[in-house]
Amino acid sequence: MSGVSTAEAEPLYRRVLAILEKALGPEHRKVTTCLENYAMLLREMDRPEDAEPLESRVRAIRAKSGPDKYPGLQGRRRFGFGIFGIRSYTCQSRI
């Protein structure tokens, strides 16, 4: 699979994020992982002003849930998505 360009990846992130939020809730750890990775993509696209709100949301969710809610996952990123081949910036595809 040749992968998807960063510009093509953005609408896929928005779609996956919406699906994860609906299926798992807006504060689930998989949603935070997707938010982090989407923010990394936006920064790679030289759009830090768009990345910051996503990163702020991740910090707020983690502050609310506490560091021990998902031990070992703090700062963990780049889960395999497979279906889109989005470089290393990916959301987790399995719910």
Protein backbone atom coordinates (compact mmCIF):
# COMPACT_ATOMS: atom_id res chain seq x y z
CA MET A 1 0.00 0.00 0.00
CA SER A 2 1.48 3.33 -1.01
CA GLY A 3 -0.11 5.27 1.83
CA VAL A 4 -2.05 8.47 1.98
CA SER A 5 -0.68 12.00 1.77
CA THR A 6 -1.01 14.27 4.78
CA ALA A 7 -3.63 16.35 2.97
CA GLU A 8 -5.66 13.24 2.20
CA ALA A 9 -5.25 11.99 5.78
CA GLU A 10 -6.92 14.95 7.45
CA PRO A 11 -10.52 14.18 6.43
CA LEU A 12 -9.91 10.55 7.38
CA TYR A 13 -8.82 11.62 10.87
CA ARG A 14 -11.93 13.77 11.26
CA ARG A 15 -14.12 10.86 10.23
CA VAL A 16 -12.39 8.32 12.48
CA LEU A 17 -12.46 10.77 15.39
CA ALA A 18 -16.22 11.24 14.96
CA ILE A 19 -16.76 7.48 14.84
CA LEU A 20 -14.64 6.84 17.93
CA GLU A 21 -16.32 9.62 19.89
CA LYS A 22 -19.76 8.27 19.03
CA ALA A 23 -18.87 4.64 19.73
CA LEU A 24 -16.68 5.07 22.81
CA GLY A 25 -17.45 8.50 24.21
CA PRO A 26 -15.48 11.74 23.92
CA GLU A 27 -13.08 10.96 26.79
CA HIS A 28 -12.05 7.41 25.92
CA ARG A 29 -8.33 6.67 25.72
CA LYS A 30 -8.59 5.69 22.05
CA VAL A 31 -10.14 9.07 21.33
CA THR A 32 -7.23 10.81 23.08
CA THR A 33 -4.77 8.76 21.05
CA CYS A 34 -6.53 9.76 17.84
CA LEU A 35 -6.56 13.42 18.94
CA GLU A 36 -2.81 13.30 19.66
CA ASN A 37 -2.03 11.75 16.33
CA TYR A 38 -4.31 14.13 14.45
CA ALA A 39 -2.53 17.04 16.17
CA MET A 40 0.84 15.60 15.10
CA LEU A 41 -0.42 15.44 11.53
CA LEU A 42 -1.56 19.07 11.66
CA ARG A 43 1.83 20.14 13.03
CA GLU A 44 3.52 18.24 10.20
CA MET A 45 1.29 20.21 7.82
CA ASP A 46 2.61 23.41 9.49
CA ARG A 47 -0.73 24.15 11.14
CA PRO A 48 0.10 24.49 14.84
CA GLU A 49 -2.87 26.81 15.42
CA ASP A 50 -5.17 23.92 14.47
CA ALA A 51 -3.19 21.37 16.47
CA GLU A 52 -3.24 23.30 19.75
CA PRO A 53 -6.97 22.89 20.53
CA LEU A 54 -6.66 19.13 20.02
CA GLU A 55 -3.62 18.96 22.30
CA SER A 56 -5.42 21.07 24.91
CA ARG A 57 -8.34 18.68 24.79
CA VAL A 58 -6.02 15.70 25.35
CA ARG A 59 -4.44 17.43 28.36
CA ALA A 60 -7.87 18.23 29.80
CA ILE A 61 -9.11 14.65 29.38
CA ARG A 62 -5.97 13.25 30.98
CA ALA A 63 -6.13 15.73 33.85
CA LYS A 64 -9.74 14.74 34.49
CA SER A 65 -9.17 10.99 34.24
CA GLY A 66 -5.90 10.98 36.15
CA PRO A 67 -2.61 9.38 35.15
CA ASP A 68 -3.43 5.94 36.55
CA LYS A 69 -6.65 5.35 34.61
CA TYR A 70 -4.72 3.90 31.66
CA PRO A 71 -1.31 2.93 33.06
CA GLY A 72 1.44 2.54 30.52
CA LEU A 73 -0.40 4.45 27.80
CA GLN A 74 0.60 8.01 28.64
CA GLY A 75 2.43 9.42 25.65
CA ARG A 76 1.92 6.26 23.58
CA ARG A 77 1.12 7.06 19.97
CA ARG A 78 1.22 5.79 16.44
CA PHE A 79 -1.09 2.80 16.64
CA GLY A 80 -1.47 0.87 13.43
CA PHE A 81 -4.44 1.89 11.34
CA GLY A 82 -3.60 -0.25 8.35
CA ILE A 83 -6.66 0.54 6.30
CA PHE A 84 -5.42 3.95 5.13
CA GLY A 85 -1.64 3.45 5.35
CA ILE A 86 -1.31 6.90 6.91
CA ARG A 87 2.44 7.05 7.42
CA SER A 88 3.15 6.71 11.12
CA TYR A 89 0.42 9.09 12.27
CA THR A 90 -2.51 6.86 12.87
CA CYS A 91 -5.54 6.26 15.05
CA GLN A 92 -6.37 2.86 16.39
CA SER A 93 -8.84 1.15 14.10
CA ARG A 94 -10.26 -1.49 16.44
CA ILE A 95 -13.03 -0.49 18.81
